Amino acid sequence: MIFSFRRKKETAGKTFFDAPGTEEFNLSYQVAFLQGSGRRKEQQDSFVSVNHDDVVAIKHRGLLAVVADGMGGMAGGKDASETVVRTLAQAFEKMEMETDIPRQLCDAVVSAGEDVYEKLVENGGSTVVACICYDEALYFASVGDSCL
């Protein structure tokens, strides 16, 4: 995913914006998920984005992007990664954006891990990278070796 922000700046007591004459916050973005086939017959990664196509929702609720990758070809790797993205998307929909976003994101990731364990016991696991863009800030969580 690529995000491009224009921000208000203050220098020497003067306020200006990245683009001359722009007097409001402008958000532009592109959303793309790329998946390589690799050597395995089955891809075990899953991904989700919430609000990526609605600028008004992004302004009021933020944007969630998650990539989860089933671990090491385990039998339940695909189920694990799907469980992670589903749990995080559901948690994001319930988040209160005016409160502690980092704590809520952390709790959601822990909950996703618990859901995977409950569903698959020791037959699958997943890495995860999750980020929330909200109110000109980026919040992220990462578990495992997947990169942000």
C-alpha atoms as a PDB file:
ATOM      1  CA  MET A   1       0.000   0.000   0.000  1.00  0.00           C
ATOM      2  CA  ILE A   2       1.150   3.467  -0.766  1.00  0.00           C
ATOM      3  CA  PHE A   3      -0.069   6.469   1.206  1.00  0.00           C
ATOM      4  CA  SER A   4       0.749  10.071   0.362  1.00  0.00           C
ATOM      5  CA  PHE A   5      -0.153  12.810   2.821  1.00  0.00           C
ATOM      6  CA  ARG A   6      -0.019  16.578   2.508  1.00  0.00           C
ATOM      7  CA  ARG A   7       0.389  18.163   5.887  1.00  0.00           C
ATOM      8  CA  LYS A   8       0.090  21.568   7.432  1.00  0.00           C
ATOM      9  CA  LYS A   9       3.460  23.013   8.420  1.00  0.00           C
ATOM     10  CA  GLU A  10       4.502  25.851  10.691  1.00  0.00           C
ATOM     11  CA  THR A  11       7.806  27.620  10.247  1.00  0.00           C
ATOM     12  CA  ALA A  12       8.909  30.825  11.939  1.00  0.00           C
ATOM     13  CA  GLY A  13       5.340  31.468  13.080  1.00  0.00           C
ATOM     14  CA  LYS A  14       3.908  31.104   9.569  1.00  0.00           C
ATOM     15  CA  THR A  15       1.518  28.340   8.555  1.00  0.00           C
ATOM     16  CA  PHE A  16       1.670  26.795   5.103  1.00  0.00           C
ATOM     17  CA  PHE A  17       0.742  23.558   3.358  1.00  0.00           C
ATOM     18  CA  ASP A  18       2.761  21.192   1.199  1.00  0.00           C
ATOM     19  CA  ALA A  19       0.940  22.323  -1.951  1.00  0.00           C
ATOM     20  CA  PRO A  20       0.742  26.107  -2.458  1.00  0.00           C
ATOM     21  CA  GLY A  21      -2.789  27.408  -2.002  1.00  0.00           C
ATOM     22  CA  THR A  22      -4.014  24.199  -0.374  1.00  0.00           C
ATOM     23  CA  GLU A  23      -5.896  24.957   2.805  1.00  0.00           C
ATOM     24  CA  GLU A  24      -7.147  21.554   3.788  1.00  0.00           C
ATOM     25  CA  PHE A  25      -5.659  18.192   4.551  1.00  0.00           C
ATOM     26  CA  ASN A  26      -5.423  16.118   1.379  1.00  0.00           C
ATOM     27  CA  LEU A  27      -5.110  12.369   1.382  1.00  0.00           C
ATOM     28  CA  SER A  28      -4.280  10.414  -1.692  1.00  0.00           C
ATOM     29  CA  TYR A  29      -3.651   6.710  -1.724  1.00  0.00           C
ATOM     30  CA  GLN A  30      -3.424   3.614  -3.803  1.00  0.00           C
ATOM     31  CA  VAL A  31      -4.290   0.178  -2.497  1.00  0.00           C
ATOM     32  CA  ALA A  32      -2.754  -2.931  -3.997  1.00  0.00           C
ATOM     33  CA  PHE A  33      -2.017  -6.389  -2.694  1.00  0.00           C
ATOM     34  CA  LEU A  34       0.544  -8.439  -4.554  1.00  0.00           C
ATOM     35  CA  GLN A  35       1.024 -12.151  -4.036  1.00  0.00           C
ATOM     36  CA  GLY A  36       3.790 -14.277  -5.502  1.00  0.00           C
ATOM     37  CA  SER A  37       3.222 -17.970  -6.035  1.00  0.00           C
ATOM     38  CA  GLY A  38       6.598 -19.109  -4.700  1.00  0.00           C
ATOM     39  CA  ARG A  39       7.442 -22.810  -4.651  1.00  0.00           C
ATOM     40  CA  ARG A  40       4.479 -23.999  -2.646  1.00  0.00           C
ATOM     41  CA  LYS A  41       1.308 -25.317  -4.238  1.00  0.00           C
ATOM     42  CA  GLU A  42      -0.827 -23.322  -1.805  1.00  0.00           C
ATOM     43  CA  GLN A  43      -0.372 -19.716  -0.753  1.00  0.00           C
ATOM     44  CA  GLN A  44      -0.995 -19.334   2.957  1.00  0.00           C
ATOM     45  CA  ASP A  45      -1.136 -15.574   3.098  1.00  0.00           C
ATOM     46  CA  SER A  46      -4.288 -13.570   3.572  1.00  0.00           C
ATOM     47  CA  PHE A  47      -4.914  -9.846   3.541  1.00  0.00           C
ATOM     48  CA  VAL A  48      -7.637  -7.327   4.140  1.00  0.00           C
ATOM     49  CA  SER A  49      -8.108  -3.587   4.053  1.00  0.00           C
ATOM     50  CA  VAL A  50     -11.054  -1.780   5.576  1.00  0.00           C
ATOM     51  CA  ASN A  51     -12.277   1.617   4.329  1.00  0.00           C
ATOM     52  CA  HIS A  52      -9.680   1.769   1.534  1.00  0.00           C
ATOM     53  CA  ASP A  53     -12.237   2.953  -1.001  1.00  0.00           C
ATOM     54  CA  ASP A  54     -14.042   5.537   1.137  1.00  0.00           C
ATOM     55  CA  VAL A  55     -12.226   8.795   1.920  1.00  0.00           C
ATOM     56  CA  VAL A  56     -14.999   9.952   4.271  1.00  0.00           C
ATOM     57  CA  ALA A  57     -14.785   6.712   6.270  1.00  0.00           C
ATOM     58  CA  ILE A  58     -11.000   7.032   6.411  1.00  0.00           C
ATOM     59  CA  LYS A  59     -11.351  10.528   7.856  1.00  0.00           C
ATOM     60  CA  HIS A  60     -13.856   9.452  10.511  1.00  0.00           C
ATOM     61  CA  ARG A  61     -12.839   5.832  11.207  1.00  0.00           C
ATOM     62  CA  GLY A  62      -9.367   5.423   9.735  1.00  0.00           C
ATOM     63  CA  LEU A  63      -8.026   2.783   7.410  1.00  0.00           C
ATOM     64  CA  LEU A  64      -6.977  -0.725   8.420  1.00  0.00           C
ATOM     65  CA  ALA A  65      -4.552  -2.845   6.375  1.00  0.00           C
ATOM     66  CA  VAL A  66      -3.529  -6.356   7.414  1.00  0.00           C
ATOM     67  CA  VAL A  67      -1.258  -8.990   5.888  1.00  0.00           C
ATOM     68  CA  ALA A  68      -1.022 -12.402   7.561  1.00  0.00           C
ATOM     69  CA  ASP A  69       1.117 -15.305   6.377  1.00  0.00           C
ATOM     70  CA  GLY A  70       0.521 -18.887   7.476  1.00  0.00           C
ATOM     71  CA  MET A  71       3.636 -20.341   9.082  1.00  0.00           C
ATOM     72  CA  GLY A  72       6.080 -22.660   7.415  1.00  0.00           C
ATOM     73  CA  GLY A  73       3.705 -24.751   5.382  1.00  0.00           C
ATOM     74  CA  MET A  74       1.864 -26.046   8.459  1.00  0.00           C
ATOM     75  CA  ALA A  75      -1.347 -27.908   7.664  1.00  0.00           C
ATOM     76  CA  GLY A  76      -3.526 -25.121   9.080  1.00  0.00           C
ATOM     77  CA  GLY A  77      -1.461 -22.178   7.838  1.00  0.00           C
ATOM     78  CA  LYS A  78      -4.104 -20.846   5.453  1.00  0.00           C
ATOM     79  CA  ASP A  79      -6.856 -21.218   8.073  1.00  0.00           C
ATOM     80  CA  ALA A  80      -4.638 -19.427  10.585  1.00  0.00           C
ATOM     81  CA  SER A  81      -3.955 -16.446   8.312  1.00  0.00           C
ATOM     82  CA  GLU A  82      -7.634 -16.170   7.344  1.00  0.00           C
ATOM     83  CA  THR A  83      -8.617 -16.240  11.018  1.00  0.00           C
ATOM     84  CA  VAL A  84      -6.143 -13.466  11.802  1.00  0.00           C
ATOM     85  CA  VAL A  85      -7.386 -11.077   9.097  1.00  0.00           C
ATOM     86  CA  ARG A  86     -11.043 -11.794   9.911  1.00  0.00           C
ATOM     87  CA  THR A  87     -10.523 -11.212  13.658  1.00  0.00           C
ATOM     88  CA  LEU A  88      -8.620  -7.957  13.083  1.00  0.00           C
ATOM     89  CA  ALA A  89     -11.191  -6.618  10.600  1.00  0.00           C
ATOM     90  CA  GLN A  90     -14.012  -7.354  13.065  1.00  0.00           C
ATOM     91  CA  ALA A  91     -12.082  -5.744  15.930  1.00  0.00           C
ATOM     92  CA  PHE A  92     -11.380  -2.637  13.820  1.00  0.00           C
ATOM     93  CA  GLU A  93     -15.094  -2.174  13.139  1.00  0.00           C
ATOM     94  CA  LYS A  94     -15.691  -2.039  16.917  1.00  0.00           C
ATOM     95  CA  MET A  95     -12.762   0.239  17.817  1.00  0.00           C
ATOM     96  CA  GLU A  96     -13.389   3.592  19.452  1.00  0.00           C
ATOM     97  CA  MET A  97     -11.119   5.888  17.487  1.00  0.00           C
ATOM     98  CA  GLU A  98     -11.080   8.637  20.110  1.00  0.00           C
ATOM     99  CA  THR A  99      -9.532   6.366  22.735  1.00  0.00           C
ATOM    100  CA  ASP A 100      -6.252   4.439  22.985  1.00  0.00           C
ATOM    101  CA  ILE A 101      -5.751   3.106  19.434  1.00  0.00           C
ATOM    102  CA  PRO A 102      -2.401   1.388  20.142  1.00  0.00           C
ATOM    103  CA  ARG A 103      -3.924  -0.543  23.071  1.00  0.00           C
ATOM    104  CA  GLN A 104      -6.958  -1.530  20.998  1.00  0.00           C
ATOM    105  CA  LEU A 105      -4.741  -2.714  18.143  1.00  0.00           C
ATOM    106  CA  CYS A 106      -2.570  -4.713  20.536  1.00  0.00           C
ATOM    107  CA  ASP A 107      -5.642  -6.289  22.122  1.00  0.00           C
ATOM    108  CA  ALA A 108      -6.985  -7.180  18.666  1.00  0.00           C
ATOM    109  CA  VAL A 109      -3.717  -8.899  17.703  1.00  0.00           C
ATOM    110  CA  VAL A 110      -3.705 -10.873  20.969  1.00  0.00           C
ATOM    111  CA  SER A 111      -7.328 -11.841  20.348  1.00  0.00           C
ATOM    112  CA  ALA A 112      -6.436 -12.999  16.826  1.00  0.00           C
ATOM    113  CA  GLY A 113      -3.681 -15.197  18.265  1.00  0.00           C
ATOM    114  CA  GLU A 114      -6.105 -16.677  20.770  1.00  0.00           C
ATOM    115  CA  ASP A 115      -8.632 -17.352  17.988  1.00  0.00           C
ATOM    116  CA  VAL A 116      -5.980 -19.158  15.929  1.00  0.00           C
ATOM    117  CA  TYR A 117      -4.912 -21.277  18.880  1.00  0.00           C
ATOM    118  CA  GLU A 118      -8.513 -22.121  19.808  1.00  0.00           C
ATOM    119  CA  LYS A 119      -9.347 -23.096  16.232  1.00  0.00           C
ATOM    120  CA  LEU A 120      -6.166 -24.953  15.284  1.00  0.00           C
ATOM    121  CA  VAL A 121      -4.488 -25.821  18.603  1.00  0.00           C
ATOM    122  CA  GLU A 122      -0.951 -26.554  17.355  1.00  0.00           C
ATOM    123  CA  ASN A 123      -1.728 -27.313  13.706  1.00  0.00           C
ATOM    124  CA  GLY A 124      -1.193 -23.827  12.353  1.00  0.00           C
ATOM    125  CA  GLY A 125       0.067 -20.370  13.033  1.00  0.00           C
ATOM    126  CA  SER A 126       0.473 -17.064  11.257  1.00  0.00           C
ATOM    127  CA  THR A 127       2.596 -13.968  11.141  1.00  0.00           C
ATOM    128  CA  VAL A 128       0.793 -10.647  10.961  1.00  0.00           C
ATOM    129  CA  VAL A 129       1.462  -7.043  10.116  1.00  0.00           C
ATOM    130  CA  ALA A 130      -1.440  -4.712  10.793  1.00  0.00           C
ATOM    131  CA  CYS A 131      -1.605  -0.958  10.499  1.00  0.00           C
ATOM    132  CA  ILE A 132      -4.188   1.694  11.142  1.00  0.00           C
ATOM    133  CA  CYS A 133      -3.956   5.121   9.524  1.00  0.00           C
ATOM    134  CA  TYR A 134      -6.048   7.607  11.454  1.00  0.00           C
ATOM    135  CA  ASP A 135      -5.922  11.335  12.083  1.00  0.00           C
ATOM    136  CA  GLU A 136      -2.529  11.836  10.409  1.00  0.00           C
ATOM    137  CA  ALA A 137      -0.908   9.009  12.407  1.00  0.00           C
ATOM    138  CA  LEU A 138       0.162   5.451  11.653  1.00  0.00           C
ATOM    139  CA  TYR A 139      -0.293   2.742  14.280  1.00  0.00           C
ATOM    140  CA  PHE A 140       1.097  -0.708  13.564  1.00  0.00           C
ATOM    141  CA  ALA A 141       1.626  -4.122  15.086  1.00  0.00           C
ATOM    142  CA  SER A 142       3.897  -6.865  13.795  1.00  0.00           C
ATOM    143  CA  VAL A 143       4.195 -10.476  14.939  1.00  0.00           C
ATOM    144  CA  GLY A 144       6.648 -12.808  13.242  1.00  0.00           C
ATOM    145  CA  ASP A 145       8.895 -12.161  10.285  1.00  0.00           C
ATOM    146  CA  SER A 146       6.508 -10.350   7.948  1.00  0.00           C
ATOM    147  CA  CYS A 147       7.628  -6.800   7.178  1.00  0.00           C
ATOM    148  CA  LEU A 148       5.729  -3.530   7.305  1.00  0.00           C
END
